[in-house]
């Protein structure tokens, strides 16, 4: 059973490392496009999360492969924004269990902070 879970978890982690596509707002094309890094500067923390692979492992109020945003918000405070933003960019393991969080080096520090601020706003 552990082997099956581990194999499934590894497969999900590999699968979840791709960016999500979002529809373009340009009405001249019906194709979809991946949000470019400079364009993310205009997005909220929640919108940035939606463009990445975060929802494959996290949800607002339910533990999945990783902790829920509410669990994270309960454990950390505004003084932890820098540290948590670094965890998003560099990845991490061991705090919430044995499954490591993949690194997201394409995310700027500014955008990672927006993501953390959104997550921390989910405090019950």
PDB file of N, CA and C in Angstrom:
ATOM      1  N   UNK A   1       0.830  -1.189   0.000  1.00  0.00           N
ATOM      2  CA  UNK A   1       0.000   0.000   0.000  1.00  0.00           C
ATOM      3  C   UNK A   1       0.879   1.258   0.000  1.00  0.00           C
ATOM      4  N   UNK A   2       1.946   1.253   0.817  1.00  0.00           N
ATOM      5  CA  UNK A   2       2.844   2.401   0.851  1.00  0.00           C
ATOM      6  C   UNK A   2       3.509   2.601  -0.499  1.00  0.00           C
ATOM      7  N   UNK A   3       3.888   1.493  -1.155  1.00  0.00           N
ATOM      8  CA  UNK A   3       4.514   1.587  -2.467  1.00  0.00           C
ATOM      9  C   UNK A   3       3.567   2.233  -3.472  1.00  0.00           C
ATOM     10  N   UNK A   4       2.308   1.837  -3.439  1.00  0.00           N
ATOM     11  CA  UNK A   4       1.311   2.380  -4.345  1.00  0.00           C
ATOM     12  C   UNK A   4       1.122   3.871  -4.087  1.00  0.00           C
ATOM     13  N   UNK A   5       1.026   4.269  -2.835  1.00  0.00           N
ATOM     14  CA  UNK A   5       0.859   5.675  -2.486  1.00  0.00           C
ATOM     15  C   UNK A   5       2.069   6.483  -2.921  1.00  0.00           C
ATOM     16  N   UNK A   6       3.273   5.976  -2.644  1.00  0.00           N
ATOM     17  CA  UNK A   6       4.497   6.676  -3.003  1.00  0.00           C
ATOM     18  C   UNK A   6       4.605   6.814  -4.505  1.00  0.00           C
ATOM     19  N   UNK A   7       4.311   5.754  -5.240  1.00  0.00           N
ATOM     20  CA  UNK A   7       4.372   5.803  -6.698  1.00  0.00           C
ATOM     21  C   UNK A   7       3.367   6.821  -7.236  1.00  0.00           C
ATOM     22  N   UNK A   8       2.162   6.820  -6.706  1.00  0.00           N
ATOM     23  CA  UNK A   8       1.144   7.777  -7.124  1.00  0.00           C
ATOM     24  C   UNK A   8       1.531   9.201  -6.792  1.00  0.00           C
ATOM     25  N   UNK A   9       2.122   9.401  -5.611  1.00  0.00           N
ATOM     26  CA  UNK A   9       2.537  10.737  -5.196  1.00  0.00           C
ATOM     27  C   UNK A   9       3.636  11.265  -6.097  1.00  0.00           C
ATOM     28  N   UNK A  10       4.595  10.422  -6.421  1.00  0.00           N
ATOM     29  CA  UNK A  10       5.695  10.845  -7.291  1.00  0.00           C
ATOM     30  C   UNK A  10       5.147  11.189  -8.672  1.00  0.00           C
ATOM     31  N   UNK A  11       4.245  10.364  -9.173  1.00  0.00           N
ATOM     32  CA  UNK A  11       3.640  10.642 -10.473  1.00  0.00           C
ATOM     33  C   UNK A  11       2.892  11.962 -10.471  1.00  0.00           C
ATOM     34  N   UNK A  12       2.156  12.236  -9.401  1.00  0.00           N
ATOM     35  CA  UNK A  12       1.408  13.484  -9.298  1.00  0.00           C
ATOM     36  C   UNK A  12       2.354  14.668  -9.224  1.00  0.00           C
ATOM     37  N   UNK A  13       3.439  14.534  -8.474  1.00  0.00           N
ATOM     38  CA  UNK A  13       4.409  15.624  -8.387  1.00  0.00           C
ATOM     39  C   UNK A  13       5.014  15.924  -9.740  1.00  0.00           C
ATOM     40  N   UNK A  14       5.354  14.899 -10.493  1.00  0.00           N
ATOM     41  CA  UNK A  14       5.922  15.103 -11.825  1.00  0.00           C
ATOM     42  C   UNK A  14       4.887  15.761 -12.724  1.00  0.00           C
ATOM     43  N   UNK A  15       3.657  15.259 -12.694  1.00  0.00           N
ATOM     44  CA  UNK A  15       2.582  15.804 -13.517  1.00  0.00           C
ATOM     45  C   UNK A  15       2.269  17.247 -13.145  1.00  0.00           C
ATOM     46  N   UNK A  16       2.340  17.584 -11.877  1.00  0.00           N
ATOM     47  CA  UNK A  16       1.899  18.895 -11.408  1.00  0.00           C
ATOM     48  C   UNK A  16       2.934  19.991 -11.599  1.00  0.00           C
ATOM     49  N   UNK A  17       4.069  19.688 -12.159  1.00  0.00           N
ATOM     50  CA  UNK A  17       5.117  20.686 -12.318  1.00  0.00           C
ATOM     51  C   UNK A  17       4.937  21.560 -13.555  1.00  0.00           C
ATOM     52  N   UNK A  18       3.850  21.416 -14.260  1.00  0.00           N
ATOM     53  CA  UNK A  18       3.630  22.243 -15.437  1.00  0.00           C
ATOM     54  C   UNK A  18       2.766  23.439 -15.077  1.00  0.00           C
ATOM     55  N   UNK A  19       2.917  24.505 -15.866  1.00  0.00           N
ATOM     56  CA  UNK A  19       2.101  25.693 -15.644  1.00  0.00           C
ATOM     57  C   UNK A  19       0.719  25.456 -16.213  1.00  0.00           C
ATOM     58  N   UNK A  20      -0.277  26.062 -15.599  1.00  0.00           N
ATOM     59  CA  UNK A  20      -1.623  26.010 -16.137  1.00  0.00           C
ATOM     60  C   UNK A  20      -1.743  27.059 -17.223  1.00  0.00           C
ATOM     61  N   UNK A  21      -2.571  26.768 -18.200  1.00  0.00           N
ATOM     62  CA  UNK A  21      -2.845  27.746 -19.235  1.00  0.00           C
ATOM     63  C   UNK A  21      -4.110  28.490 -18.881  1.00  0.00           C
ATOM     64  N   UNK A  22      -4.107  29.792 -19.201  1.00  0.00           N
ATOM     65  CA  UNK A  22      -5.310  30.581 -18.974  1.00  0.00           C
ATOM     66  C   UNK A  22      -5.687  31.258 -20.280  1.00  0.00           C
ATOM     67  N   UNK A  23      -6.951  31.521 -20.463  1.00  0.00           N
ATOM     68  CA  UNK A  23      -7.381  32.147 -21.715  1.00  0.00           C
ATOM     69  C   UNK A  23      -6.811  33.546 -21.865  1.00  0.00           C
ATOM     70  N   UNK A  24      -6.495  33.904 -23.104  1.00  0.00           N
ATOM     71  CA  UNK A  24      -6.048  35.258 -23.392  1.00  0.00           C
ATOM     72  C   UNK A  24      -7.246  36.192 -23.335  1.00  0.00           C
ATOM     73  N   UNK A  25      -6.993  37.450 -23.027  1.00  0.00           N
ATOM     74  CA  UNK A  25      -8.075  38.424 -23.025  1.00  0.00           C
ATOM     75  C   UNK A  25      -8.211  39.079 -24.389  1.00  0.00           C
ATOM     76  N   UNK A  26      -7.273  38.856 -25.273  1.00  0.00           N
ATOM     77  CA  UNK A  26      -7.309  39.379 -26.627  1.00  0.00           C
ATOM     78  C   UNK A  26      -8.409  38.658 -27.402  1.00  0.00           C
ATOM     79  N   UNK A  27      -9.376  39.404 -27.923  1.00  0.00           N
ATOM     80  CA  UNK A  27     -10.496  38.782 -28.608  1.00  0.00           C
ATOM     81  C   UNK A  27     -10.175  38.380 -30.035  1.00  0.00           C
ATOM     82  N   UNK A  28      -8.983  38.705 -30.530  1.00  0.00           N
ATOM     83  CA  UNK A  28      -8.630  38.346 -31.905  1.00  0.00           C
ATOM     84  C   UNK A  28      -8.139  36.924 -32.015  1.00  0.00           C
ATOM     85  N   UNK A  29      -7.916  36.252 -30.884  1.00  0.00           N
ATOM     86  CA  UNK A  29      -7.418  34.883 -30.919  1.00  0.00           C
ATOM     87  C   UNK A  29      -8.181  34.037 -29.926  1.00  0.00           C
ATOM     88  N   UNK A  30      -8.521  32.820 -30.321  1.00  0.00           N
ATOM     89  CA  UNK A  30      -9.236  31.925 -29.410  1.00  0.00           C
ATOM     90  C   UNK A  30      -8.292  30.937 -28.746  1.00  0.00           C
ATOM     91  N   UNK A  31      -6.988  31.089 -28.977  1.00  0.00           N
ATOM     92  CA  UNK A  31      -6.003  30.197 -28.373  1.00  0.00           C
ATOM     93  C   UNK A  31      -5.780  30.570 -26.923  1.00  0.00           C
ATOM     94  N   UNK A  32      -5.134  29.655 -26.174  1.00  0.00           N
ATOM     95  CA  UNK A  32      -4.774  29.953 -24.793  1.00  0.00           C
ATOM     96  C   UNK A  32      -3.288  30.225 -24.718  1.00  0.00           C
ATOM     97  N   UNK A  33      -2.886  30.906 -23.667  1.00  0.00           N
ATOM     98  CA  UNK A  33      -1.476  31.236 -23.504  1.00  0.00           C
ATOM     99  C   UNK A  33      -1.093  31.113 -22.042  1.00  0.00           C
ATOM    100  N   UNK A  34       0.155  30.771 -21.793  1.00  0.00           N
ATOM    101  CA  UNK A  34       0.689  30.736 -20.444  1.00  0.00           C
ATOM    102  C   UNK A  34       1.036  32.159 -20.059  1.00  0.00           C
ATOM    103  N   UNK A  35       0.687  32.569 -18.854  1.00  0.00           N
ATOM    104  CA  UNK A  35       0.969  33.922 -18.399  1.00  0.00           C
ATOM    105  C   UNK A  35       2.480  34.088 -18.283  1.00  0.00           C
ATOM    106  N   UNK A  36       3.002  35.127 -18.900  1.00  0.00           N
ATOM    107  CA  UNK A  36       4.441  35.370 -18.832  1.00  0.00           C
ATOM    108  C   UNK A  36       4.796  35.917 -17.460  1.00  0.00           C
ATOM    109  N   UNK A  37       6.036  35.771 -17.082  1.00  0.00           N
ATOM    110  CA  UNK A  37       6.464  36.214 -15.754  1.00  0.00           C
ATOM    111  C   UNK A  37       6.239  37.708 -15.533  1.00  0.00           C
ATOM    112  N   UNK A  38       6.592  38.590 -16.491  1.00  0.00           N
ATOM    113  CA  UNK A  38       6.332  40.011 -16.238  1.00  0.00           C
ATOM    114  C   UNK A  38       4.847  40.314 -16.066  1.00  0.00           C
ATOM    115  N   UNK A  39       3.972  39.588 -16.763  1.00  0.00           N
ATOM    116  CA  UNK A  39       2.540  39.831 -16.651  1.00  0.00           C
ATOM    117  C   UNK A  39       2.017  39.476 -15.273  1.00  0.00           C
ATOM    118  N   UNK A  40       2.662  38.574 -14.573  1.00  0.00           N
ATOM    119  CA  UNK A  40       2.201  38.176 -13.246  1.00  0.00           C
ATOM    120  C   UNK A  40       2.290  39.317 -12.248  1.00  0.00           C
ATOM    121  N   UNK A  41       3.100  40.327 -12.525  1.00  0.00           N
ATOM    122  CA  UNK A  41       3.228  41.450 -11.601  1.00  0.00           C
ATOM    123  C   UNK A  41       1.893  42.151 -11.383  1.00  0.00           C
ATOM    124  N   UNK A  42       0.988  42.057 -12.347  1.00  0.00           N
ATOM    125  CA  UNK A  42      -0.307  42.713 -12.232  1.00  0.00           C
ATOM    126  C   UNK A  42      -1.362  41.818 -11.610  1.00  0.00           C
ATOM    127  N   UNK A  43      -1.018  40.580 -11.296  1.00  0.00           N
ATOM    128  CA  UNK A  43      -1.980  39.632 -10.748  1.00  0.00           C
ATOM    129  C   UNK A  43      -1.953  39.633  -9.227  1.00  0.00           C
ATOM    130  N   UNK A  44      -3.065  39.241  -8.626  1.00  0.00           N
ATOM    131  CA  UNK A  44      -3.134  39.086  -7.173  1.00  0.00           C
ATOM    132  C   UNK A  44      -2.442  37.773  -6.794  1.00  0.00           C
ATOM    133  N   UNK A  45      -2.209  37.584  -5.517  1.00  0.00           N
ATOM    134  CA  UNK A  45      -1.606  36.341  -5.040  1.00  0.00           C
ATOM    135  C   UNK A  45      -2.439  35.133  -5.411  1.00  0.00           C
ATOM    136  N   UNK A  46      -3.750  35.248  -5.289  1.00  0.00           N
ATOM    137  CA  UNK A  46      -4.645  34.145  -5.645  1.00  0.00           C
ATOM    138  C   UNK A  46      -4.556  33.842  -7.141  1.00  0.00           C
ATOM    139  N   UNK A  47      -4.505  34.861  -7.975  1.00  0.00           N
ATOM    140  CA  UNK A  47      -4.414  34.652  -9.416  1.00  0.00           C
ATOM    141  C   UNK A  47      -3.090  34.009  -9.804  1.00  0.00           C
ATOM    142  N   UNK A  48      -2.006  34.395  -9.138  1.00  0.00           N
ATOM    143  CA  UNK A  48      -0.700  33.789  -9.418  1.00  0.00           C
ATOM    144  C   UNK A  48      -0.752  32.311  -9.067  1.00  0.00           C
ATOM    145  N   UNK A  49      -1.317  31.986  -7.913  1.00  0.00           N
ATOM    146  CA  UNK A  49      -1.455  30.590  -7.489  1.00  0.00           C
ATOM    147  C   UNK A  49      -2.220  29.793  -8.543  1.00  0.00           C
ATOM    148  N   UNK A  50      -3.263  30.388  -9.093  1.00  0.00           N
ATOM    149  CA  UNK A  50      -4.078  29.703 -10.091  1.00  0.00           C
ATOM    150  C   UNK A  50      -3.335  29.454 -11.395  1.00  0.00           C
ATOM    151  N   UNK A  51      -2.291  30.243 -11.688  1.00  0.00           N
ATOM    152  CA  UNK A  51      -1.527  30.042 -12.920  1.00  0.00           C
ATOM    153  C   UNK A  51      -0.436  28.986 -12.753  1.00  0.00           C
ATOM    154  N   UNK A  52      -0.148  28.620 -11.522  1.00  0.00           N
ATOM    155  CA  UNK A  52       0.898  27.636 -11.250  1.00  0.00           C
ATOM    156  C   UNK A  52       0.283  26.278 -10.925  1.00  0.00           C
ATOM    157  N   UNK A  53       1.092  25.375 -10.405  1.00  0.00           N
ATOM    158  CA  UNK A  53       0.649  24.016 -10.099  1.00  0.00           C
ATOM    159  C   UNK A  53       0.226  23.827  -8.646  1.00  0.00           C
ATOM    160  N   UNK A  54       0.023  24.891  -7.915  1.00  0.00           N
ATOM    161  CA  UNK A  54      -0.243  24.827  -6.479  1.00  0.00           C
ATOM    162  C   UNK A  54      -1.473  23.987  -6.119  1.00  0.00           C
ATOM    163  N   UNK A  55      -2.533  24.109  -6.921  1.00  0.00           N
ATOM    164  CA  UNK A  55      -3.782  23.428  -6.590  1.00  0.00           C
ATOM    165  C   UNK A  55      -3.706  21.917  -6.774  1.00  0.00           C
ATOM    166  N   UNK A  56      -2.632  21.418  -7.336  1.00  0.00           N
ATOM    167  CA  UNK A  56      -2.463  19.970  -7.431  1.00  0.00           C
ATOM    168  C   UNK A  56      -2.181  19.375  -6.047  1.00  0.00           C
ATOM    169  N   UNK A  57      -1.634  20.174  -5.148  1.00  0.00           N
ATOM    170  CA  UNK A  57      -1.260  19.671  -3.818  1.00  0.00           C
ATOM    171  C   UNK A  57      -1.931  20.415  -2.667  1.00  0.00           C
ATOM    172  N   UNK A  58      -2.476  21.603  -2.920  1.00  0.00           N
ATOM    173  CA  UNK A  58      -3.048  22.431  -1.849  1.00  0.00           C
ATOM    174  C   UNK A  58      -4.456  22.889  -2.213  1.00  0.00           C
ATOM    175  N   UNK A  59      -5.270  23.101  -1.191  1.00  0.00           N
ATOM    176  CA  UNK A  59      -6.563  23.757  -1.364  1.00  0.00           C
ATOM    177  C   UNK A  59      -6.745  24.726  -0.207  1.00  0.00           C
ATOM    178  N   UNK A  60      -7.778  25.531  -0.260  1.00  0.00           N
ATOM    179  CA  UNK A  60      -7.995  26.538   0.779  1.00  0.00           C
ATOM    180  C   UNK A  60      -8.261  25.903   2.134  1.00  0.00           C
ATOM    181  N   UNK A  61      -9.175  24.930   2.184  1.00  0.00           N
ATOM    182  CA  UNK A  61      -9.613  24.442   3.494  1.00  0.00           C
ATOM    183  C   UNK A  61      -9.488  22.939   3.703  1.00  0.00           C
ATOM    184  N   UNK A  62      -8.847  22.242   2.796  1.00  0.00           N
ATOM    185  CA  UNK A  62      -8.750  20.792   2.921  1.00  0.00           C
ATOM    186  C   UNK A  62      -7.330  20.312   2.641  1.00  0.00           C
ATOM    187  N   UNK A  63      -6.800  19.501   3.541  1.00  0.00           N
ATOM    188  CA  UNK A  63      -5.469  18.934   3.351  1.00  0.00           C
ATOM    189  C   UNK A  63      -5.500  17.964   2.180  1.00  0.00           C
ATOM    190  N   UNK A  64      -4.533  18.114   1.293  1.00  0.00           N
ATOM    191  CA  UNK A  64      -4.408  17.194   0.157  1.00  0.00           C
ATOM    192  C   UNK A  64      -3.035  16.532   0.282  1.00  0.00           C
ATOM    193  N   UNK A  65      -2.220  16.615  -0.728  1.00  0.00           N
ATOM    194  CA  UNK A  65      -0.842  16.116  -0.625  1.00  0.00           C
ATOM    195  C   UNK A  65      -0.062  17.011   0.328  1.00  0.00           C
ATOM    196  N   UNK A  66      -0.339  18.297   0.258  1.00  0.00           N
ATOM    197  CA  UNK A  66       0.269  19.273   1.158  1.00  0.00           C
ATOM    198  C   UNK A  66      -0.800  19.876   2.050  1.00  0.00           C
ATOM    199  N   UNK A  67      -0.396  20.739   2.967  1.00  0.00           N
ATOM    200  CA  UNK A  67      -1.358  21.345   3.894  1.00  0.00           C
ATOM    201  C   UNK A  67      -2.299  22.309   3.174  1.00  0.00           C
ATOM    202  N   UNK A  68      -3.464  22.538   3.779  1.00  0.00           N
ATOM    203  CA  UNK A  68      -4.397  23.532   3.232  1.00  0.00           C
ATOM    204  C   UNK A  68      -3.835  24.924   3.528  1.00  0.00           C
ATOM    205  N   UNK A  69      -4.325  25.907   2.798  1.00  0.00           N
ATOM    206  CA  UNK A  69      -3.895  27.280   3.055  1.00  0.00           C
ATOM    207  C   UNK A  69      -4.305  27.716   4.461  1.00  0.00           C
ATOM    208  N   UNK A  70      -5.446  27.224   4.943  1.00  0.00           N
ATOM    209  CA  UNK A  70      -5.872  27.569   6.296  1.00  0.00           C
ATOM    210  C   UNK A  70      -4.919  26.989   7.339  1.00  0.00           C
ATOM    211  N   UNK A  71      -4.421  25.766   7.112  1.00  0.00           N
ATOM    212  CA  UNK A  71      -3.450  25.181   8.044  1.00  0.00           C
ATOM    213  C   UNK A  71      -2.154  25.992   8.060  1.00  0.00           C
ATOM    214  N   UNK A  72      -1.718  26.413   6.871  1.00  0.00           N
ATOM    215  CA  UNK A  72      -0.494  27.214   6.778  1.00  0.00           C
ATOM    216  C   UNK A  72      -0.705  28.541   7.506  1.00  0.00           C
ATOM    217  N   UNK A  73      -1.862  29.182   7.263  1.00  0.00           N
ATOM    218  CA  UNK A  73      -2.158  30.473   7.893  1.00  0.00           C
ATOM    219  C   UNK A  73      -2.227  30.351   9.411  1.00  0.00           C
ATOM    220  N   UNK A  74      -2.700  29.216   9.906  1.00  0.00           N
ATOM    221  CA  UNK A  74      -2.788  29.011  11.355  1.00  0.00           C
ATOM    222  C   UNK A  74      -1.405  28.846  11.980  1.00  0.00           C
ATOM    223  N   UNK A  75      -0.470  28.317  11.212  1.00  0.00           N
ATOM    224  CA  UNK A  75       0.866  28.035  11.741  1.00  0.00           C
ATOM    225  C   UNK A  75       1.812  29.236  11.643  1.00  0.00           C
ATOM    226  N   UNK A  76       1.607  30.081  10.651  1.00  0.00           N
ATOM    227  CA  UNK A  76       2.530  31.188  10.389  1.00  0.00           C
ATOM    228  C   UNK A  76       1.833  32.531  10.507  1.00  0.00           C
ATOM    229  N   UNK A  77       2.642  33.599  10.576  1.00  0.00           N
ATOM    230  CA  UNK A  77       2.109  34.952  10.690  1.00  0.00           C
ATOM    231  C   UNK A  77       2.776  35.855   9.658  1.00  0.00           C
ATOM    232  N   UNK A  78       2.410  37.124   9.688  1.00  0.00           N
ATOM    233  CA  UNK A  78       2.968  38.097   8.740  1.00  0.00           C
ATOM    234  C   UNK A  78       4.487  38.229   8.859  1.00  0.00           C
ATOM    235  N   UNK A  79       5.034  37.899  10.007  1.00  0.00           N
ATOM    236  CA  UNK A  79       6.496  37.996  10.161  1.00  0.00           C
ATOM    237  C   UNK A  79       7.225  36.886   9.386  1.00  0.00           C
ATOM    238  N   UNK A  80       6.484  35.890   8.887  1.00  0.00           N
ATOM    239  CA  UNK A  80       7.076  34.759   8.167  1.00  0.00           C
ATOM    240  C   UNK A  80       6.978  34.883   6.645  1.00  0.00           C
ATOM    241  N   UNK A  81       6.528  36.039   6.146  1.00  0.00           N
ATOM    242  CA  UNK A  81       6.306  36.203   4.709  1.00  0.00           C
ATOM    243  C   UNK A  81       7.574  35.936   3.913  1.00  0.00           C
ATOM    244  N   UNK A  82       8.689  36.519   4.310  1.00  0.00           N
ATOM    245  CA  UNK A  82       9.966  36.333   3.589  1.00  0.00           C
ATOM    246  C   UNK A  82      10.360  34.859   3.536  1.00  0.00           C
ATOM    247  N   UNK A  83      10.290  34.190   4.665  1.00  0.00           N
ATOM    248  CA  UNK A  83      10.685  32.785   4.744  1.00  0.00           C
ATOM    249  C   UNK A  83       9.782  31.915   3.878  1.00  0.00           C
ATOM    250  N   UNK A  84       8.476  32.153   3.949  1.00  0.00           N
ATOM    251  CA  UNK A  84       7.535  31.356   3.166  1.00  0.00           C
ATOM    252  C   UNK A  84       7.686  31.635   1.665  1.00  0.00           C
ATOM    253  N   UNK A  85       7.945  32.877   1.302  1.00  0.00           N
ATOM    254  CA  UNK A  85       8.178  33.210  -0.106  1.00  0.00           C
ATOM    255  C   UNK A  85       9.406  32.457  -0.617  1.00  0.00           C
ATOM    256  N   UNK A  86      10.438  32.370   0.201  1.00  0.00           N
ATOM    257  CA  UNK A  86      11.636  31.608  -0.183  1.00  0.00           C
ATOM    258  C   UNK A  86      11.317  30.130  -0.352  1.00  0.00           C
ATOM    259  N   UNK A  87      10.444  29.587   0.502  1.00  0.00           N
ATOM    260  CA  UNK A  87      10.039  28.170   0.382  1.00  0.00           C
ATOM    261  C   UNK A  87       9.323  27.915  -0.937  1.00  0.00           C
ATOM    262  N   UNK A  88       8.490  28.866  -1.370  1.00  0.00           N
ATOM    263  CA  UNK A  88       7.798  28.710  -2.651  1.00  0.00           C
ATOM    264  C   UNK A  88       8.822  28.641  -3.781  1.00  0.00           C
ATOM    265  N   UNK A  89       9.782  29.523  -3.746  1.00  0.00           N
ATOM    266  CA  UNK A  89      10.779  29.602  -4.820  1.00  0.00           C
ATOM    267  C   UNK A  89      11.751  28.426  -4.779  1.00  0.00           C
ATOM    268  N   UNK A  90      12.236  28.076  -3.589  1.00  0.00           N
ATOM    269  CA  UNK A  90      13.277  27.056  -3.450  1.00  0.00           C
ATOM    270  C   UNK A  90      12.738  25.655  -3.188  1.00  0.00           C
ATOM    271  N   UNK A  91      11.477  25.542  -2.801  1.00  0.00           N
ATOM    272  CA  UNK A  91      10.927  24.246  -2.423  1.00  0.00           C
ATOM    273  C   UNK A  91      11.263  23.948  -0.973  1.00  0.00           C
ATOM    274  N   UNK A  92      10.803  22.822  -0.484  1.00  0.00           N
ATOM    275  CA  UNK A  92      11.081  22.481   0.902  1.00  0.00           C
ATOM    276  C   UNK A  92      10.544  21.108   1.242  1.00  0.00           C
ATOM    277  N   UNK A  93      10.912  20.639   2.423  1.00  0.00           N
ATOM    278  CA  UNK A  93      10.414  19.337   2.889  1.00  0.00           C
ATOM    279  C   UNK A  93      10.563  19.227   4.388  1.00  0.00           C
ATOM    280  N   UNK A  94       9.796  18.292   4.944  1.00  0.00           N
ATOM    281  CA  UNK A  94       9.948  17.948   6.347  1.00  0.00           C
ATOM    282  C   UNK A  94       9.059  18.681   7.323  1.00  0.00           C
ATOM    283  N   UNK A  95       8.519  19.836   6.958  1.00  0.00           N
ATOM    284  CA  UNK A  95       7.697  20.600   7.888  1.00  0.00           C
ATOM    285  C   UNK A  95       6.295  19.997   7.992  1.00  0.00           C
ATOM    286  N   UNK A  96       5.736  19.555   6.867  1.00  0.00           N
ATOM    287  CA  UNK A  96       4.362  19.067   6.815  1.00  0.00           C
ATOM    288  C   UNK A  96       4.282  17.583   6.475  1.00  0.00           C
ATOM    289  N   UNK A  97       5.381  16.890   6.539  1.00  0.00           N
ATOM    290  CA  UNK A  97       5.369  15.470   6.211  1.00  0.00           C
ATOM    291  C   UNK A  97       6.501  15.123   5.260  1.00  0.00           C
ATOM    292  N   UNK A  98       6.440  13.927   4.720  1.00  0.00           N
ATOM    293  CA  UNK A  98       7.539  13.415   3.915  1.00  0.00           C
ATOM    294  C   UNK A  98       7.529  13.800   2.450  1.00  0.00           C
ATOM    295  N   UNK A  99       6.413  14.321   1.938  1.00  0.00           N
ATOM    296  CA  UNK A  99       6.353  14.670   0.517  1.00  0.00           C
ATOM    297  C   UNK A  99       6.924  16.073   0.331  1.00  0.00           C
ATOM    298  N   UNK A 100       8.007  16.209  -0.423  1.00  0.00           N
ATOM    299  CA  UNK A 100       8.609  17.538  -0.607  1.00  0.00           C
ATOM    300  C   UNK A 100       7.776  18.429  -1.517  1.00  0.00           C
ATOM    301  N   UNK A 101       7.850  19.723  -1.274  1.00  0.00           N
ATOM    302  CA  UNK A 101       7.208  20.683  -2.173  1.00  0.00           C
ATOM    303  C   UNK A 101       8.220  21.031  -3.250  1.00  0.00           C
ATOM    304  N   UNK A 102       7.787  20.983  -4.491  1.00  0.00           N
ATOM    305  CA  UNK A 102       8.708  21.285  -5.584  1.00  0.00           C
ATOM    306  C   UNK A 102       9.044  22.772  -5.596  1.00  0.00           C
ATOM    307  N   UNK A 103      10.237  23.067  -6.097  1.00  0.00           N
ATOM    308  CA  UNK A 103      10.695  24.446  -6.216  1.00  0.00           C
ATOM    309  C   UNK A 103       9.973  25.134  -7.369  1.00  0.00           C
ATOM    310  N   UNK A 104       9.838  26.431  -7.271  1.00  0.00           N
ATOM    311  CA  UNK A 104       9.227  27.246  -8.314  1.00  0.00           C
ATOM    312  C   UNK A 104      10.160  28.419  -8.614  1.00  0.00           C
ATOM    313  N   UNK A 105      11.338  28.131  -9.193  1.00  0.00           N
ATOM    314  CA  UNK A 105      12.336  29.183  -9.416  1.00  0.00           C
ATOM    315  C   UNK A 105      11.881  30.251 -10.410  1.00  0.00           C
ATOM    316  N   UNK A 106      10.852  29.977 -11.194  1.00  0.00           N
ATOM    317  CA  UNK A 106      10.345  30.956 -12.158  1.00  0.00           C
ATOM    318  C   UNK A 106       9.530  32.057 -11.491  1.00  0.00           C
ATOM    319  N   UNK A 107       9.176  31.877 -10.226  1.00  0.00           N
ATOM    320  CA  UNK A 107       8.367  32.857  -9.498  1.00  0.00           C
ATOM    321  C   UNK A 107       9.285  33.907  -8.885  1.00  0.00           C
ATOM    322  N   UNK A 108       8.982  35.176  -9.128  1.00  0.00           N
ATOM    323  CA  UNK A 108       9.783  36.254  -8.544  1.00  0.00           C
ATOM    324  C   UNK A 108       9.507  36.343  -7.045  1.00  0.00           C
ATOM    325  N   UNK A 109      10.422  36.958  -6.322  1.00  0.00           N
ATOM    326  CA  UNK A 109      10.253  37.131  -4.878  1.00  0.00           C
ATOM    327  C   UNK A 109       8.992  37.963  -4.596  1.00  0.00           C
ATOM    328  N   UNK A 110       8.764  38.978  -5.403  1.00  0.00           N
ATOM    329  CA  UNK A 110       7.590  39.843  -5.236  1.00  0.00           C
ATOM    330  C   UNK A 110       6.292  39.041  -5.405  1.00  0.00           C
ATOM    331  N   UNK A 111       6.241  38.208  -6.442  1.00  0.00           N
ATOM    332  CA  UNK A 111       5.050  37.402  -6.667  1.00  0.00           C
ATOM    333  C   UNK A 111       4.876  36.337  -5.581  1.00  0.00           C
ATOM    334  N   UNK A 112       5.975  35.752  -5.123  1.00  0.00           N
ATOM    335  CA  UNK A 112       5.904  34.759  -4.042  1.00  0.00           C
ATOM    336  C   UNK A 112       5.343  35.409  -2.774  1.00  0.00           C
ATOM    337  N   UNK A 113       5.723  36.650  -2.505  1.00  0.00           N
ATOM    338  CA  UNK A 113       5.190  37.360  -1.338  1.00  0.00           C
ATOM    339  C   UNK A 113       3.689  37.599  -1.486  1.00  0.00           C
ATOM    340  N   UNK A 114       3.235  37.935  -2.697  1.00  0.00           N
ATOM    341  CA  UNK A 114       1.792  38.100  -2.926  1.00  0.00           C
ATOM    342  C   UNK A 114       1.068  36.793  -2.653  1.00  0.00           C
ATOM    343  N   UNK A 115       1.651  35.689  -3.096  1.00  0.00           N
ATOM    344  CA  UNK A 115       1.053  34.378  -2.868  1.00  0.00           C
ATOM    345  C   UNK A 115       0.942  34.093  -1.378  1.00  0.00           C
ATOM    346  N   UNK A 116       2.011  34.368  -0.640  1.00  0.00           N
ATOM    347  CA  UNK A 116       2.024  34.131   0.808  1.00  0.00           C
ATOM    348  C   UNK A 116       0.997  35.018   1.495  1.00  0.00           C
ATOM    349  N   UNK A 117       0.907  36.275   1.096  1.00  0.00           N
ATOM    350  CA  UNK A 117      -0.073  37.171   1.715  1.00  0.00           C
ATOM    351  C   UNK A 117      -1.492  36.649   1.501  1.00  0.00           C
ATOM    352  N   UNK A 118      -1.762  36.127   0.301  1.00  0.00           N
ATOM    353  CA  UNK A 118      -3.079  35.524   0.057  1.00  0.00           C
ATOM    354  C   UNK A 118      -3.288  34.317   0.961  1.00  0.00           C
ATOM    355  N   UNK A 119      -2.297  33.450   1.039  1.00  0.00           N
ATOM    356  CA  UNK A 119      -2.414  32.238   1.875  1.00  0.00           C
ATOM    357  C   UNK A 119      -2.659  32.614   3.333  1.00  0.00           C
ATOM    358  N   UNK A 120      -1.899  33.586   3.842  1.00  0.00           N
ATOM    359  CA  UNK A 120      -2.056  33.995   5.231  1.00  0.00           C
ATOM    360  C   UNK A 120      -3.404  34.673   5.485  1.00  0.00           C
ATOM    361  N   UNK A 121      -4.002  35.225   4.441  1.00  0.00           N
ATOM    362  CA  UNK A 121      -5.327  35.849   4.600  1.00  0.00           C
ATOM    363  C   UNK A 121      -6.429  34.804   4.784  1.00  0.00           C
ATOM    364  N   UNK A 122      -6.100  33.532   4.640  1.00  0.00           N
ATOM    365  CA  UNK A 122      -7.068  32.452   4.791  1.00  0.00           C
ATOM    366  C   UNK A 122      -7.213  31.987   6.247  1.00  0.00           C
ATOM    367  N   UNK A 123      -6.541  32.692   7.158  1.00  0.00           N
ATOM    368  CA  UNK A 123      -6.624  32.357   8.579  1.00  0.00           C
ATOM    369  C   UNK A 123      -8.074  32.362   9.030  1.00  0.00           C
ATOM    370  N   UNK A 124      -8.460  31.321   9.759  1.00  0.00           N
ATOM    371  CA  UNK A 124      -9.846  31.210  10.256  1.00  0.00           C
ATOM    372  C   UNK A 124     -10.138  32.255  11.292  1.00  0.00           C
TER     373      UNK A 124
END
